[in-house]
Amino acid sequence: MKPPYYDNDLIQLLQLSGETIGRMDDHSDKRADWVLFLLDEIKGFLPADEYEAMLAQLSGAIAKQSADN
């Protein structure tokens, strides 16, 4: 997936986070928990309506990605 705009620092942090979560062999059952943790961290910086809109957008993108696979 291509990011919506280029932010070198953010891209590097998210790539490292994704790699770390993806390579968790000993705790593979915790991957979703880590993603939910990230969402919870974002929640603290957004108004409730923006957070809900982001979750709806994310849910739709996940459903589309699952359908495409």
PDB file of N, CA and C in Angstrom:
ATOM      1  N   MET A   1       0.843  -1.180   0.000  1.00  0.00           N
ATOM      2  CA  MET A   1       0.000   0.000   0.000  1.00  0.00           C
ATOM      3  C   MET A   1       0.885   1.238   0.000  1.00  0.00           C
ATOM      4  N   LYS A   2       0.496   2.188  -0.773  1.00  0.00           N
ATOM      5  CA  LYS A   2       1.245   3.439  -0.883  1.00  0.00           C
ATOM      6  C   LYS A   2       0.710   4.445   0.152  1.00  0.00           C
ATOM      7  N   PRO A   3       1.610   5.096   0.901  1.00  0.00           N
ATOM      8  CA  PRO A   3       1.133   6.087   1.867  1.00  0.00           C
ATOM      9  C   PRO A   3       0.512   7.289   1.160  1.00  0.00           C
ATOM     10  N   PRO A   4      -0.393   7.998   1.861  1.00  0.00           N
ATOM     11  CA  PRO A   4      -1.094   9.124   1.218  1.00  0.00           C
ATOM     12  C   PRO A   4      -0.186  10.301   0.899  1.00  0.00           C
ATOM     13  N   TYR A   5       0.897  10.468   1.595  1.00  0.00           N
ATOM     14  CA  TYR A   5       1.883  11.497   1.303  1.00  0.00           C
ATOM     15  C   TYR A   5       3.208  11.024   1.876  1.00  0.00           C
ATOM     16  N   TYR A   6       4.269  11.653   1.464  1.00  0.00           N
ATOM     17  CA  TYR A   6       5.592  11.188   1.865  1.00  0.00           C
ATOM     18  C   TYR A   6       6.058  11.896   3.129  1.00  0.00           C
ATOM     19  N   ASP A   7       6.265  11.141   4.182  1.00  0.00           N
ATOM     20  CA  ASP A   7       6.839  11.635   5.428  1.00  0.00           C
ATOM     21  C   ASP A   7       7.878  10.598   5.835  1.00  0.00           C
ATOM     22  N   ASN A   8       9.121  10.872   5.527  1.00  0.00           N
ATOM     23  CA  ASN A   8      10.193   9.906   5.703  1.00  0.00           C
ATOM     24  C   ASN A   8      10.248   9.332   7.114  1.00  0.00           C
ATOM     25  N   ASP A   9      10.151  10.178   8.125  1.00  0.00           N
ATOM     26  CA  ASP A   9      10.236   9.698   9.504  1.00  0.00           C
ATOM     27  C   ASP A   9       9.070   8.772   9.850  1.00  0.00           C
ATOM     28  N   LEU A  10       7.862   9.185   9.489  1.00  0.00           N
ATOM     29  CA  LEU A  10       6.683   8.380   9.790  1.00  0.00           C
ATOM     30  C   LEU A  10       6.717   7.053   9.042  1.00  0.00           C
ATOM     31  N   ILE A  11       7.109   7.089   7.779  1.00  0.00           N
ATOM     32  CA  ILE A  11       7.193   5.866   6.992  1.00  0.00           C
ATOM     33  C   ILE A  11       8.185   4.895   7.625  1.00  0.00           C
ATOM     34  N   GLN A  12       9.334   5.382   8.029  1.00  0.00           N
ATOM     35  CA  GLN A  12      10.335   4.511   8.648  1.00  0.00           C
ATOM     36  C   GLN A  12       9.821   3.915   9.953  1.00  0.00           C
ATOM     37  N   LEU A  13       9.176   4.726  10.779  1.00  0.00           N
ATOM     38  CA  LEU A  13       8.639   4.220  12.045  1.00  0.00           C
ATOM     39  C   LEU A  13       7.571   3.155  11.818  1.00  0.00           C
ATOM     40  N   LEU A  14       6.680   3.416  10.879  1.00  0.00           N
ATOM     41  CA  LEU A  14       5.607   2.453  10.618  1.00  0.00           C
ATOM     42  C   LEU A  14       6.130   1.185   9.957  1.00  0.00           C
ATOM     43  N   GLN A  15       7.106   1.319   9.068  1.00  0.00           N
ATOM     44  CA  GLN A  15       7.698   0.128   8.462  1.00  0.00           C
ATOM     45  C   GLN A  15       8.387  -0.728   9.520  1.00  0.00           C
ATOM     46  N   LEU A  16       9.120  -0.095  10.414  1.00  0.00           N
ATOM     47  CA  LEU A  16       9.790  -0.833  11.486  1.00  0.00           C
ATOM     48  C   LEU A  16       8.766  -1.497  12.402  1.00  0.00           C
ATOM     49  N   SER A  17       7.698  -0.780  12.723  1.00  0.00           N
ATOM     50  CA  SER A  17       6.635  -1.356  13.556  1.00  0.00           C
ATOM     51  C   SER A  17       5.983  -2.541  12.860  1.00  0.00           C
ATOM     52  N   GLY A  18       5.679  -2.373  11.574  1.00  0.00           N
ATOM     53  CA  GLY A  18       5.061  -3.470  10.818  1.00  0.00           C
ATOM     54  C   GLY A  18       5.962  -4.682  10.741  1.00  0.00           C
ATOM     55  N   GLU A  19       7.245  -4.447  10.516  1.00  0.00           N
ATOM     56  CA  GLU A  19       8.201  -5.555  10.466  1.00  0.00           C
ATOM     57  C   GLU A  19       8.287  -6.262  11.813  1.00  0.00           C
ATOM     58  N   THR A  20       8.351  -5.487  12.871  1.00  0.00           N
ATOM     59  CA  THR A  20       8.452  -6.071  14.210  1.00  0.00           C
ATOM     60  C   THR A  20       7.219  -6.901  14.541  1.00  0.00           C
ATOM     61  N   ILE A  21       6.040  -6.359  14.268  1.00  0.00           N
ATOM     62  CA  ILE A  21       4.799  -7.089  14.533  1.00  0.00           C
ATOM     63  C   ILE A  21       4.708  -8.325  13.647  1.00  0.00           C
ATOM     64  N   GLY A  22       5.070  -8.192  12.387  1.00  0.00           N
ATOM     65  CA  GLY A  22       4.996  -9.311  11.453  1.00  0.00           C
ATOM     66  C   GLY A  22       5.946 -10.452  11.773  1.00  0.00           C
ATOM     67  N   ARG A  23       7.050 -10.160  12.419  1.00  0.00           N
ATOM     68  CA  ARG A  23       8.046 -11.190  12.725  1.00  0.00           C
ATOM     69  C   ARG A  23       7.907 -11.771  14.126  1.00  0.00           C
ATOM     70  N   MET A  24       6.815 -11.527  14.786  1.00  0.00           N
ATOM     71  CA  MET A  24       6.614 -12.026  16.148  1.00  0.00           C
ATOM     72  C   MET A  24       6.246 -13.506  16.128  1.00  0.00           C
ATOM     73  N   ASP A  25       7.232 -14.368  15.961  1.00  0.00           N
ATOM     74  CA  ASP A  25       6.968 -15.804  15.910  1.00  0.00           C
ATOM     75  C   ASP A  25       6.498 -16.354  17.258  1.00  0.00           C
ATOM     76  N   ASP A  26       7.108 -15.856  18.339  1.00  0.00           N
ATOM     77  CA  ASP A  26       6.770 -16.404  19.645  1.00  0.00           C
ATOM     78  C   ASP A  26       5.467 -15.851  20.219  1.00  0.00           C
ATOM     79  N   HIS A  27       4.964 -14.769  19.659  1.00  0.00           N
ATOM     80  CA  HIS A  27       3.706 -14.180  20.128  1.00  0.00           C
ATOM     81  C   HIS A  27       2.800 -13.838  18.953  1.00  0.00           C
ATOM     82  N   SER A  28       2.716 -14.719  17.968  1.00  0.00           N
ATOM     83  CA  SER A  28       1.928 -14.424  16.766  1.00  0.00           C
ATOM     84  C   SER A  28       0.455 -14.194  17.086  1.00  0.00           C
ATOM     85  N   ASP A  29      -0.019 -14.732  18.189  1.00  0.00           N
ATOM     86  CA  ASP A  29      -1.414 -14.535  18.573  1.00  0.00           C
ATOM     87  C   ASP A  29      -1.662 -13.131  19.123  1.00  0.00           C
ATOM     88  N   LYS A  30      -0.613 -12.357  19.297  1.00  0.00           N
ATOM     89  CA  LYS A  30      -0.729 -11.009  19.857  1.00  0.00           C
ATOM     90  C   LYS A  30      -0.635  -9.913  18.793  1.00  0.00           C
ATOM     91  N   ARG A  31      -0.487 -10.283  17.522  1.00  0.00           N
ATOM     92  CA  ARG A  31      -0.329  -9.269  16.466  1.00  0.00           C
ATOM     93  C   ARG A  31      -1.499  -8.299  16.422  1.00  0.00           C
ATOM     94  N   ALA A  32      -2.697  -8.812  16.453  1.00  0.00           N
ATOM     95  CA  ALA A  32      -3.880  -7.945  16.406  1.00  0.00           C
ATOM     96  C   ALA A  32      -3.920  -7.022  17.621  1.00  0.00           C
ATOM     97  N   ASP A  33      -3.490  -7.520  18.774  1.00  0.00           N
ATOM     98  CA  ASP A  33      -3.458  -6.684  19.970  1.00  0.00           C
ATOM     99  C   ASP A  33      -2.524  -5.493  19.793  1.00  0.00           C
ATOM    100  N   TRP A  34      -1.399  -5.703  19.111  1.00  0.00           N
ATOM    101  CA  TRP A  34      -0.464  -4.602  18.878  1.00  0.00           C
ATOM    102  C   TRP A  34      -1.054  -3.574  17.920  1.00  0.00           C
ATOM    103  N   VAL A  35      -1.762  -4.029  16.915  1.00  0.00           N
ATOM    104  CA  VAL A  35      -2.410  -3.102  15.979  1.00  0.00           C
ATOM    105  C   VAL A  35      -3.502  -2.314  16.710  1.00  0.00           C
ATOM    106  N   LEU A  36      -4.254  -2.996  17.563  1.00  0.00           N
ATOM    107  CA  LEU A  36      -5.275  -2.316  18.352  1.00  0.00           C
ATOM    108  C   LEU A  36      -4.658  -1.316  19.327  1.00  0.00           C
ATOM    109  N   PHE A  37      -3.497  -1.644  19.858  1.00  0.00           N
ATOM    110  CA  PHE A  37      -2.768  -0.716  20.720  1.00  0.00           C
ATOM    111  C   PHE A  37      -2.439   0.569  19.950  1.00  0.00           C
ATOM    112  N   LEU A  38      -1.961   0.417  18.722  1.00  0.00           N
ATOM    113  CA  LEU A  38      -1.645   1.584  17.897  1.00  0.00           C
ATOM    114  C   LEU A  38      -2.893   2.432  17.652  1.00  0.00           C
ATOM    115  N   LEU A  39      -4.003   1.787  17.346  1.00  0.00           N
ATOM    116  CA  LEU A  39      -5.249   2.529  17.137  1.00  0.00           C
ATOM    117  C   LEU A  39      -5.653   3.278  18.401  1.00  0.00           C
ATOM    118  N   ASP A  40      -5.469   2.643  19.542  1.00  0.00           N
ATOM    119  CA  ASP A  40      -5.800   3.282  20.805  1.00  0.00           C
ATOM    120  C   ASP A  40      -4.902   4.494  21.071  1.00  0.00           C
ATOM    121  N   GLU A  41      -3.652   4.409  20.663  1.00  0.00           N
ATOM    122  CA  GLU A  41      -2.737   5.540  20.804  1.00  0.00           C
ATOM    123  C   GLU A  41      -3.185   6.712  19.919  1.00  0.00           C
ATOM    124  N   ILE A  42      -3.636   6.422  18.724  1.00  0.00           N
ATOM    125  CA  ILE A  42      -4.123   7.459  17.813  1.00  0.00           C
ATOM    126  C   ILE A  42      -5.396   8.096  18.370  1.00  0.00           C
ATOM    127  N   LYS A  43      -6.233   7.284  18.977  1.00  0.00           N
ATOM    128  CA  LYS A  43      -7.530   7.748  19.502  1.00  0.00           C
ATOM    129  C   LYS A  43      -7.365   8.936  20.444  1.00  0.00           C
ATOM    130  N   GLY A  44      -6.324   8.945  21.234  1.00  0.00           N
ATOM    131  CA  GLY A  44      -6.118  10.016  22.195  1.00  0.00           C
ATOM    132  C   GLY A  44      -5.838  11.377  21.574  1.00  0.00           C
ATOM    133  N   PHE A  45      -5.568  11.413  20.287  1.00  0.00           N
ATOM    134  CA  PHE A  45      -5.214  12.667  19.623  1.00  0.00           C
ATOM    135  C   PHE A  45      -6.279  13.150  18.643  1.00  0.00           C
ATOM    136  N   LEU A  46      -7.386  12.429  18.561  1.00  0.00           N
ATOM    137  CA  LEU A  46      -8.447  12.790  17.614  1.00  0.00           C
ATOM    138  C   LEU A  46      -9.765  13.043  18.329  1.00  0.00           C
ATOM    139  N   PRO A  47     -10.563  13.961  17.805  1.00  0.00           N
ATOM    140  CA  PRO A  47     -11.930  14.088  18.306  1.00  0.00           C
ATOM    141  C   PRO A  47     -12.690  12.785  18.010  1.00  0.00           C
ATOM    142  N   ALA A  48     -13.671  12.486  18.815  1.00  0.00           N
ATOM    143  CA  ALA A  48     -14.399  11.218  18.698  1.00  0.00           C
ATOM    144  C   ALA A  48     -14.961  10.984  17.300  1.00  0.00           C
ATOM    145  N   ASP A  49     -15.533  12.032  16.673  1.00  0.00           N
ATOM    146  CA  ASP A  49     -16.124  11.844  15.344  1.00  0.00           C
ATOM    147  C   ASP A  49     -15.067  11.532  14.286  1.00  0.00           C
ATOM    148  N   GLU A  50     -13.886  12.155  14.392  1.00  0.00           N
ATOM    149  CA  GLU A  50     -12.809  11.854  13.450  1.00  0.00           C
ATOM    150  C   GLU A  50     -12.280  10.432  13.655  1.00  0.00           C
ATOM    151  N   TYR A  51     -12.203  10.017  14.900  1.00  0.00           N
ATOM    152  CA  TYR A  51     -11.739   8.651  15.192  1.00  0.00           C
ATOM    153  C   TYR A  51     -12.715   7.629  14.620  1.00  0.00           C
ATOM    154  N   GLU A  52     -14.006   7.858  14.820  1.00  0.00           N
ATOM    155  CA  GLU A  52     -15.015   6.943  14.282  1.00  0.00           C
ATOM    156  C   GLU A  52     -14.972   6.899  12.757  1.00  0.00           C
ATOM    157  N   ALA A  53     -14.777   8.054  12.120  1.00  0.00           N
ATOM    158  CA  ALA A  53     -14.671   8.101  10.666  1.00  0.00           C
ATOM    159  C   ALA A  53     -13.426   7.343  10.196  1.00  0.00           C
ATOM    160  N   MET A  54     -12.322   7.477  10.932  1.00  0.00           N
ATOM    161  CA  MET A  54     -11.106   6.767  10.578  1.00  0.00           C
ATOM    162  C   MET A  54     -11.320   5.248  10.695  1.00  0.00           C
ATOM    163  N   LEU A  55     -11.988   4.821  11.760  1.00  0.00           N
ATOM    164  CA  LEU A  55     -12.264   3.389  11.935  1.00  0.00           C
ATOM    165  C   LEU A  55     -13.149   2.854  10.815  1.00  0.00           C
ATOM    166  N   ALA A  56     -14.136   3.640  10.399  1.00  0.00           N
ATOM    167  CA  ALA A  56     -15.009   3.220   9.300  1.00  0.00           C
ATOM    168  C   ALA A  56     -14.217   3.103   8.002  1.00  0.00           C
ATOM    169  N   GLN A  57     -13.346   4.072   7.754  1.00  0.00           N
ATOM    170  CA  GLN A  57     -12.496   4.029   6.559  1.00  0.00           C
ATOM    171  C   GLN A  57     -11.560   2.820   6.613  1.00  0.00           C
ATOM    172  N   LEU A  58     -10.985   2.581   7.758  1.00  0.00           N
ATOM    173  CA  LEU A  58     -10.084   1.444   7.942  1.00  0.00           C
ATOM    174  C   LEU A  58     -10.822   0.121   7.753  1.00  0.00           C
ATOM    175  N   SER A  59     -12.002   0.026   8.320  1.00  0.00           N
ATOM    176  CA  SER A  59     -12.806  -1.190   8.191  1.00  0.00           C
ATOM    177  C   SER A  59     -13.142  -1.472   6.724  1.00  0.00           C
ATOM    178  N   GLY A  60     -13.521  -0.440   5.987  1.00  0.00           N
ATOM    179  CA  GLY A  60     -13.820  -0.608   4.565  1.00  0.00           C
ATOM    180  C   GLY A  60     -12.591  -1.024   3.767  1.00  0.00           C
ATOM    181  N   ALA A  61     -11.441  -0.439   4.091  1.00  0.00           N
ATOM    182  CA  ALA A  61     -10.205  -0.787   3.387  1.00  0.00           C
ATOM    183  C   ALA A  61      -9.789  -2.230   3.683  1.00  0.00           C
ATOM    184  N   ILE A  62      -9.979  -2.666   4.921  1.00  0.00           N
ATOM    185  CA  ILE A  62      -9.655  -4.043   5.287  1.00  0.00           C
ATOM    186  C   ILE A  62     -10.584  -5.012   4.548  1.00  0.00           C
ATOM    187  N   ALA A  63     -11.865  -4.684   4.504  1.00  0.00           N
ATOM    188  CA  ALA A  63     -12.813  -5.546   3.797  1.00  0.00           C
ATOM    189  C   ALA A  63     -12.474  -5.646   2.317  1.00  0.00           C
ATOM    190  N   LYS A  64     -12.105  -4.516   1.701  1.00  0.00           N
ATOM    191  CA  LYS A  64     -11.732  -4.523   0.284  1.00  0.00           C
ATOM    192  C   LYS A  64     -10.475  -5.337   0.069  1.00  0.00           C
ATOM    193  N   GLN A  65      -9.496  -5.158   0.941  1.00  0.00           N
ATOM    194  CA  GLN A  65      -8.247  -5.900   0.808  1.00  0.00           C
ATOM    195  C   GLN A  65      -8.480  -7.404   0.957  1.00  0.00           C
ATOM    196  N   SER A  66      -9.363  -7.782   1.884  1.00  0.00           N
ATOM    197  CA  SER A  66      -9.679  -9.204   2.068  1.00  0.00           C
ATOM    198  C   SER A  66     -10.385  -9.765   0.847  1.00  0.00           C
ATOM    199  N   ALA A  67     -11.273  -8.968   0.260  1.00  0.00           N
ATOM    200  CA  ALA A  67     -12.005  -9.420  -0.932  1.00  0.00           C
ATOM    201  C   ALA A  67     -11.068  -9.560  -2.119  1.00  0.00           C
ATOM    202  N   ASP A  68     -10.060  -8.691  -2.207  1.00  0.00           N
ATOM    203  CA  ASP A  68      -9.113  -8.737  -3.320  1.00  0.00           C
ATOM    204  C   ASP A  68      -8.157  -9.925  -3.222  1.00  0.00           C
ATOM    205  N   ASN A  69      -7.972 -10.419  -2.012  1.00  0.00           N
ATOM    206  CA  ASN A  69      -7.069 -11.571  -1.819  1.00  0.00           C
ATOM    207  C   ASN A  69      -7.878 -12.810  -1.941  1.00  0.00           C
TER     208      ASN A  69
END
